[in-house]
Amino acid sequence: MQLTQEQMEIVNCELYAYDILEVIAFAGTGKTTTLYEYTKARPHLRFLYVAFNKSVQVEAASKFPDNVTCKTAHSLAWQQYGSQYKHKLIPSLKANTVMDVLNLKSYEDAKFILDTLVKYLVSTDEKIYKKHIIQLAWQHYEHKKEPMPDFAYMAEQLWMMMADTRNSDIGMLHDGYLKLYQLSNPILDFDCVLLDEAQVRRLYA
């Protein structure tokens, strides 16, 4: 396959420790092909290719050269954290469950707390702050002209229950154990990490 001039510039770009190369392109323009050629040109380096989902990971593993290990982000977190929660893993968390475990009377409050927690889980922050409270919650209580409950604190209580392996009242989300993995600041034993089809669309070194 003949690479474009832009692709060749990426493939020929040498990265050093802590460098970040960001590749921004539309779907179907050859981002994965570019990553493949980048790794193929550097057989002396060990790459970790992080895919968004299992199907992408399996397809990548069949195409990339032997110096590339293909994983999903959740599979990286599974061995150290996810496996501890096999007995309480759930695909999603419902507001009704949040009402029960936090002894709430308002379904809307439970939803605001849940949304606050989810916003935290997909952030890079170490703790839950008021900035994680969704805008709809602020608007809701401004409209009611009532003081808003401390949803950040309540979301923290919910998170502590979720992270407790002994607590069977609340399940663990897949993004939950991935968050625990992120908070552990893991050291990845690779020369370069590739993120493909990610929102940040970055190639890390």
C-alpha atoms as a PDB file:
ATOM      1  CA  MET A   1       0.000   0.000   0.000  1.00  0.00           C
ATOM      2  CA  GLN A   2       1.314   3.417  -0.985  1.00  0.00           C
ATOM      3  CA  LEU A   3       1.350   5.794   1.974  1.00  0.00           C
ATOM      4  CA  THR A   4       0.418   9.442   1.615  1.00  0.00           C
ATOM      5  CA  GLN A   5       2.902  12.202   2.366  1.00  0.00           C
ATOM      6  CA  GLU A   6       1.172  12.862   5.698  1.00  0.00           C
ATOM      7  CA  GLN A   7       1.365   9.177   6.656  1.00  0.00           C
ATOM      8  CA  MET A   8       5.041   9.012   5.759  1.00  0.00           C
ATOM      9  CA  GLU A   9       5.763  12.033   7.954  1.00  0.00           C
ATOM     10  CA  ILE A  10       4.139  10.222  10.884  1.00  0.00           C
ATOM     11  CA  VAL A  11       5.943   6.933  10.214  1.00  0.00           C
ATOM     12  CA  ASN A  12       9.289   8.745   9.969  1.00  0.00           C
ATOM     13  CA  CYS A  13       8.742  10.769  13.142  1.00  0.00           C
ATOM     14  CA  GLU A  14      11.159   9.641  15.864  1.00  0.00           C
ATOM     15  CA  LEU A  15       9.810   9.881  19.399  1.00  0.00           C
ATOM     16  CA  TYR A  16      11.732  10.077  22.642  1.00  0.00           C
ATOM     17  CA  ALA A  17      10.799   9.443  26.262  1.00  0.00           C
ATOM     18  CA  TYR A  18       7.598  11.281  27.255  1.00  0.00           C
ATOM     19  CA  ASP A  19       6.997  12.553  23.724  1.00  0.00           C
ATOM     20  CA  ILE A  20       3.408  12.515  22.476  1.00  0.00           C
ATOM     21  CA  LEU A  21       2.468  12.298  18.831  1.00  0.00           C
ATOM     22  CA  GLU A  22      -1.182  13.062  18.116  1.00  0.00           C
ATOM     23  CA  VAL A  23      -2.662  11.885  14.847  1.00  0.00           C
ATOM     24  CA  ILE A  24      -5.981  13.495  13.910  1.00  0.00           C
ATOM     25  CA  ALA A  25      -7.834  12.124  10.897  1.00  0.00           C
ATOM     26  CA  PHE A  26     -11.322  11.220   9.735  1.00  0.00           C
ATOM     27  CA  ALA A  27     -12.630   7.652   9.814  1.00  0.00           C
ATOM     28  CA  GLY A  28     -11.330   5.446   7.014  1.00  0.00           C
ATOM     29  CA  THR A  29      -8.309   7.601   6.239  1.00  0.00           C
ATOM     30  CA  GLY A  30      -5.753   5.030   7.362  1.00  0.00           C
ATOM     31  CA  LYS A  31      -4.927   5.757  10.994  1.00  0.00           C
ATOM     32  CA  THR A  32      -4.557   2.078  11.900  1.00  0.00           C
ATOM     33  CA  THR A  33      -2.505   1.438   8.757  1.00  0.00           C
ATOM     34  CA  THR A  34      -0.230   4.304   9.766  1.00  0.00           C
ATOM     35  CA  LEU A  35       0.253   2.801  13.232  1.00  0.00           C
ATOM     36  CA  TYR A  36       1.000  -0.558  11.647  1.00  0.00           C
ATOM     37  CA  GLU A  37       3.675   0.946   9.423  1.00  0.00           C
ATOM     38  CA  TYR A  38       5.076   2.874  12.397  1.00  0.00           C
ATOM     39  CA  THR A  39       5.580  -0.333  14.395  1.00  0.00           C
ATOM     40  CA  LYS A  40       6.818  -2.307  11.388  1.00  0.00           C
ATOM     41  CA  ALA A  41       9.553   0.294  10.827  1.00  0.00           C
ATOM     42  CA  ARG A  42      10.790  -0.198  14.416  1.00  0.00           C
ATOM     43  CA  PRO A  43      11.162  -3.952  15.082  1.00  0.00           C
ATOM     44  CA  HIS A  44      13.600  -3.203  17.924  1.00  0.00           C
ATOM     45  CA  LEU A  45      10.868  -1.496  19.995  1.00  0.00           C
ATOM     46  CA  ARG A  46       8.097  -3.101  22.052  1.00  0.00           C
ATOM     47  CA  PHE A  47       4.684  -1.545  21.440  1.00  0.00           C
ATOM     48  CA  LEU A  48       1.425  -1.794  23.346  1.00  0.00           C
ATOM     49  CA  TYR A  49      -1.599  -1.234  21.127  1.00  0.00           C
ATOM     50  CA  VAL A  50      -4.657  -0.257  23.187  1.00  0.00           C
ATOM     51  CA  ALA A  51      -8.002  -0.755  21.450  1.00  0.00           C
ATOM     52  CA  PHE A  52     -11.424   0.547  22.426  1.00  0.00           C
ATOM     53  CA  ASN A  53     -13.172  -2.829  22.289  1.00  0.00           C
ATOM     54  CA  LYS A  54     -12.488  -6.548  21.978  1.00  0.00           C
ATOM     55  CA  SER A  55     -13.326  -6.880  18.290  1.00  0.00           C
ATOM     56  CA  VAL A  56     -10.874  -4.130  17.340  1.00  0.00           C
ATOM     57  CA  GLN A  57      -8.227  -5.713  19.572  1.00  0.00           C
ATOM     58  CA  VAL A  58      -8.649  -9.162  17.993  1.00  0.00           C
ATOM     59  CA  GLU A  59      -8.469  -7.741  14.481  1.00  0.00           C
ATOM     60  CA  ALA A  60      -5.362  -5.708  15.348  1.00  0.00           C
ATOM     61  CA  ALA A  61      -3.649  -8.741  16.881  1.00  0.00           C
ATOM     62  CA  SER A  62      -4.027 -10.586  13.573  1.00  0.00           C
ATOM     63  CA  LYS A  63      -2.434  -7.755  11.590  1.00  0.00           C
ATOM     64  CA  PHE A  64       0.285  -6.095  13.640  1.00  0.00           C
ATOM     65  CA  PRO A  65       3.867  -7.423  13.711  1.00  0.00           C
ATOM     66  CA  ASP A  66       5.236  -9.546  16.560  1.00  0.00           C
ATOM     67  CA  ASN A  67       6.719  -6.567  18.421  1.00  0.00           C
ATOM     68  CA  VAL A  68       3.197  -5.296  19.162  1.00  0.00           C
ATOM     69  CA  THR A  69       0.996  -6.531  22.028  1.00  0.00           C
ATOM     70  CA  CYS A  70      -2.687  -5.757  21.467  1.00  0.00           C
ATOM     71  CA  LYS A  71      -4.979  -5.210  24.468  1.00  0.00           C
ATOM     72  CA  THR A  72      -8.156  -3.403  25.435  1.00  0.00           C
ATOM     73  CA  ALA A  73      -7.911  -0.859  28.239  1.00  0.00           C
ATOM     74  CA  HIS A  74     -10.189  -2.998  30.408  1.00  0.00           C
ATOM     75  CA  SER A  75      -8.095  -6.119  29.853  1.00  0.00           C
ATOM     76  CA  LEU A  76      -5.050  -4.235  31.149  1.00  0.00           C
ATOM     77  CA  ALA A  77      -6.954  -3.452  34.337  1.00  0.00           C
ATOM     78  CA  TRP A  78      -8.586  -6.866  34.691  1.00  0.00           C
ATOM     79  CA  GLN A  79      -5.766  -8.936  36.156  1.00  0.00           C
ATOM     80  CA  GLN A  80      -4.888  -6.539  38.951  1.00  0.00           C
ATOM     81  CA  TYR A  81      -8.298  -5.054  39.712  1.00  0.00           C
ATOM     82  CA  GLY A  82     -11.209  -6.375  37.687  1.00  0.00           C
ATOM     83  CA  SER A  83     -10.706  -9.983  38.727  1.00  0.00           C
ATOM     84  CA  GLN A  84     -11.210  -8.983  42.359  1.00  0.00           C
ATOM     85  CA  TYR A  85     -14.784  -8.009  41.524  1.00  0.00           C
ATOM     86  CA  LYS A  86     -15.882 -11.051  39.547  1.00  0.00           C
ATOM     87  CA  HIS A  87     -18.546 -11.738  42.165  1.00  0.00           C
ATOM     88  CA  LYS A  88     -20.112  -8.272  41.860  1.00  0.00           C
ATOM     89  CA  LEU A  89     -19.499  -7.089  38.293  1.00  0.00           C
ATOM     90  CA  ILE A  90     -22.482  -5.415  36.620  1.00  0.00           C
ATOM     91  CA  PRO A  91     -22.878  -3.942  33.110  1.00  0.00           C
ATOM     92  CA  SER A  92     -24.682  -0.836  34.374  1.00  0.00           C
ATOM     93  CA  LEU A  93     -25.999   0.767  37.540  1.00  0.00           C
ATOM     94  CA  LYS A  94     -29.590   1.879  37.952  1.00  0.00           C
ATOM     95  CA  ALA A  95     -30.835   4.941  39.826  1.00  0.00           C
ATOM     96  CA  ASN A  96     -33.289   2.741  41.735  1.00  0.00           C
ATOM     97  CA  THR A  97     -30.355   0.804  43.169  1.00  0.00           C
ATOM     98  CA  VAL A  98     -28.668   4.053  44.171  1.00  0.00           C
ATOM     99  CA  MET A  99     -31.853   5.099  45.949  1.00  0.00           C
ATOM    100  CA  ASP A 100     -31.820   1.877  47.941  1.00  0.00           C
ATOM    101  CA  VAL A 101     -28.152   1.826  48.971  1.00  0.00           C
ATOM    102  CA  LEU A 102     -28.042   5.525  49.880  1.00  0.00           C
ATOM    103  CA  ASN A 103     -31.527   5.531  51.417  1.00  0.00           C
ATOM    104  CA  LEU A 104     -32.819   8.287  49.157  1.00  0.00           C
ATOM    105  CA  LYS A 105     -36.396   9.292  48.463  1.00  0.00           C
ATOM    106  CA  SER A 106     -35.776  11.164  45.219  1.00  0.00           C
ATOM    107  CA  TYR A 107     -35.187   9.279  41.978  1.00  0.00           C
ATOM    108  CA  GLU A 108     -33.830  12.478  40.387  1.00  0.00           C
ATOM    109  CA  ASP A 109     -31.250  12.899  43.159  1.00  0.00           C
ATOM    110  CA  ALA A 110     -30.168   9.295  42.727  1.00  0.00           C
ATOM    111  CA  LYS A 111     -29.745   9.912  38.993  1.00  0.00           C
ATOM    112  CA  PHE A 112     -27.703  13.058  39.644  1.00  0.00           C
ATOM    113  CA  ILE A 113     -25.441  11.144  42.036  1.00  0.00           C
ATOM    114  CA  LEU A 114     -25.001   8.313  39.559  1.00  0.00           C
ATOM    115  CA  ASP A 115     -24.206  10.711  36.726  1.00  0.00           C
ATOM    116  CA  THR A 116     -21.697  12.482  38.964  1.00  0.00           C
ATOM    117  CA  LEU A 117     -19.950   9.204  39.697  1.00  0.00           C
ATOM    118  CA  VAL A 118     -19.875   8.181  36.032  1.00  0.00           C
ATOM    119  CA  LYS A 119     -18.426  11.569  35.062  1.00  0.00           C
ATOM    120  CA  TYR A 120     -15.684  11.043  37.643  1.00  0.00           C
ATOM    121  CA  LEU A 121     -14.937   7.503  36.463  1.00  0.00           C
ATOM    122  CA  VAL A 122     -14.172   8.674  32.929  1.00  0.00           C
ATOM    123  CA  SER A 123     -12.079  11.625  34.114  1.00  0.00           C
ATOM    124  CA  THR A 124      -8.392  11.760  35.005  1.00  0.00           C
ATOM    125  CA  ASP A 125      -9.141  13.178  38.468  1.00  0.00           C
ATOM    126  CA  GLU A 126      -8.089  11.367  41.616  1.00  0.00           C
ATOM    127  CA  LYS A 127     -11.075  12.507  43.674  1.00  0.00           C
ATOM    128  CA  ILE A 128     -14.697  13.450  43.111  1.00  0.00           C
ATOM    129  CA  TYR A 129     -15.223  17.195  43.050  1.00  0.00           C
ATOM    130  CA  LYS A 130     -18.193  19.487  42.580  1.00  0.00           C
ATOM    131  CA  LYS A 131     -17.110  19.984  38.980  1.00  0.00           C
ATOM    132  CA  HIS A 132     -18.201  16.387  38.339  1.00  0.00           C
ATOM    133  CA  ILE A 133     -21.793  17.223  39.235  1.00  0.00           C
ATOM    134  CA  ILE A 134     -23.657  17.406  35.942  1.00  0.00           C
ATOM    135  CA  GLN A 135     -25.020  20.766  34.811  1.00  0.00           C
ATOM    136  CA  LEU A 136     -28.581  19.455  34.832  1.00  0.00           C
ATOM    137  CA  ALA A 137     -28.411  18.993  38.598  1.00  0.00           C
ATOM    138  CA  TRP A 138     -27.346  22.602  39.138  1.00  0.00           C
ATOM    139  CA  GLN A 139     -30.120  23.815  36.843  1.00  0.00           C
ATOM    140  CA  HIS A 140     -32.687  21.590  38.522  1.00  0.00           C
ATOM    141  CA  TYR A 141     -32.064  23.028  41.986  1.00  0.00           C
ATOM    142  CA  GLU A 142     -31.690  26.561  40.698  1.00  0.00           C
ATOM    143  CA  HIS A 143     -35.140  26.197  39.171  1.00  0.00           C
ATOM    144  CA  LYS A 144     -36.550  24.777  42.418  1.00  0.00           C
ATOM    145  CA  LYS A 145     -34.886  27.629  44.339  1.00  0.00           C
ATOM    146  CA  GLU A 146     -33.618  25.106  46.867  1.00  0.00           C
ATOM    147  CA  PRO A 147     -30.087  24.391  48.066  1.00  0.00           C
ATOM    148  CA  MET A 148     -28.582  21.495  46.165  1.00  0.00           C
ATOM    149  CA  PRO A 149     -27.513  18.455  48.188  1.00  0.00           C
ATOM    150  CA  ASP A 150     -23.813  17.618  48.242  1.00  0.00           C
ATOM    151  CA  PHE A 151     -23.911  15.237  45.296  1.00  0.00           C
ATOM    152  CA  ALA A 152     -20.119  15.071  45.142  1.00  0.00           C
ATOM    153  CA  TYR A 153     -19.992  13.710  48.695  1.00  0.00           C
ATOM    154  CA  MET A 154     -22.814  11.270  47.993  1.00  0.00           C
ATOM    155  CA  ALA A 155     -21.106  10.084  44.820  1.00  0.00           C
ATOM    156  CA  GLU A 156     -17.953   9.524  46.891  1.00  0.00           C
ATOM    157  CA  GLN A 157     -19.932   7.363  49.324  1.00  0.00           C
ATOM    158  CA  LEU A 158     -21.352   5.395  46.402  1.00  0.00           C
ATOM    159  CA  TRP A 159     -17.862   4.948  44.945  1.00  0.00           C
ATOM    160  CA  MET A 160     -16.494   3.663  48.249  1.00  0.00           C
ATOM    161  CA  MET A 161     -19.295   1.096  48.423  1.00  0.00           C
ATOM    162  CA  MET A 162     -18.663   0.058  44.840  1.00  0.00           C
ATOM    163  CA  ALA A 163     -14.920  -0.338  45.426  1.00  0.00           C
ATOM    164  CA  ASP A 164     -15.476  -2.436  48.559  1.00  0.00           C
ATOM    165  CA  THR A 165     -15.152  -6.079  47.512  1.00  0.00           C
ATOM    166  CA  ARG A 166     -17.125  -7.117  50.620  1.00  0.00           C
ATOM    167  CA  ASN A 167     -20.085  -4.874  49.849  1.00  0.00           C
ATOM    168  CA  SER A 168     -22.700  -6.863  47.960  1.00  0.00           C
ATOM    169  CA  ASP A 169     -25.294  -4.067  47.962  1.00  0.00           C
ATOM    170  CA  ILE A 170     -23.699  -2.253  45.055  1.00  0.00           C
ATOM    171  CA  GLY A 171     -22.030  -3.830  42.018  1.00  0.00           C
ATOM    172  CA  MET A 172     -18.785  -2.855  40.341  1.00  0.00           C
ATOM    173  CA  LEU A 173     -18.860  -1.265  36.899  1.00  0.00           C
ATOM    174  CA  HIS A 174     -16.250  -2.143  34.291  1.00  0.00           C
ATOM    175  CA  ASP A 175     -15.267   1.521  34.173  1.00  0.00           C
ATOM    176  CA  GLY A 176     -14.964   1.320  37.953  1.00  0.00           C
ATOM    177  CA  TYR A 177     -12.118  -1.167  38.056  1.00  0.00           C
ATOM    178  CA  LEU A 178     -10.539   0.619  35.097  1.00  0.00           C
ATOM    179  CA  LYS A 179     -10.598   3.769  37.260  1.00  0.00           C
ATOM    180  CA  LEU A 180      -8.887   1.912  40.090  1.00  0.00           C
ATOM    181  CA  TYR A 181      -6.223   0.833  37.625  1.00  0.00           C
ATOM    182  CA  GLN A 182      -5.734   4.420  36.470  1.00  0.00           C
ATOM    183  CA  LEU A 183      -5.472   5.645  40.062  1.00  0.00           C
ATOM    184  CA  SER A 184      -2.702   3.113  40.721  1.00  0.00           C
ATOM    185  CA  ASN A 185      -0.480   4.915  38.181  1.00  0.00           C
ATOM    186  CA  PRO A 186       0.579   1.664  36.512  1.00  0.00           C
ATOM    187  CA  ILE A 187       3.954   1.380  34.823  1.00  0.00           C
ATOM    188  CA  LEU A 188       3.569  -0.271  31.425  1.00  0.00           C
ATOM    189  CA  ASP A 189       6.607  -2.306  30.405  1.00  0.00           C
ATOM    190  CA  PHE A 190       6.680  -1.129  26.803  1.00  0.00           C
ATOM    191  CA  ASP A 191       8.713   1.342  24.782  1.00  0.00           C
ATOM    192  CA  CYS A 192       5.665   2.968  23.243  1.00  0.00           C
ATOM    193  CA  VAL A 193       1.890   2.874  23.757  1.00  0.00           C
ATOM    194  CA  LEU A 194      -0.498   3.303  20.828  1.00  0.00           C
ATOM    195  CA  LEU A 195      -4.088   4.447  21.371  1.00  0.00           C
ATOM    196  CA  ASP A 196      -6.240   3.797  18.330  1.00  0.00           C
ATOM    197  CA  GLU A 197      -9.826   4.957  17.822  1.00  0.00           C
ATOM    198  CA  ALA A 198      -9.741   6.805  21.142  1.00  0.00           C
ATOM    199  CA  GLN A 199     -11.384  10.149  21.813  1.00  0.00           C
ATOM    200  CA  VAL A 200      -8.018  11.702  22.531  1.00  0.00           C
ATOM    201  CA  ARG A 201      -6.583  10.094  19.400  1.00  0.00           C
ATOM    202  CA  ARG A 202      -3.019  10.043  20.724  1.00  0.00           C
ATOM    203  CA  LEU A 203       0.110   8.027  20.170  1.00  0.00           C
ATOM    204  CA  TYR A 204       2.058   7.880  23.410  1.00  0.00           C
ATOM    205  CA  ALA A 205       5.745   7.188  23.891  1.00  0.00           C
END
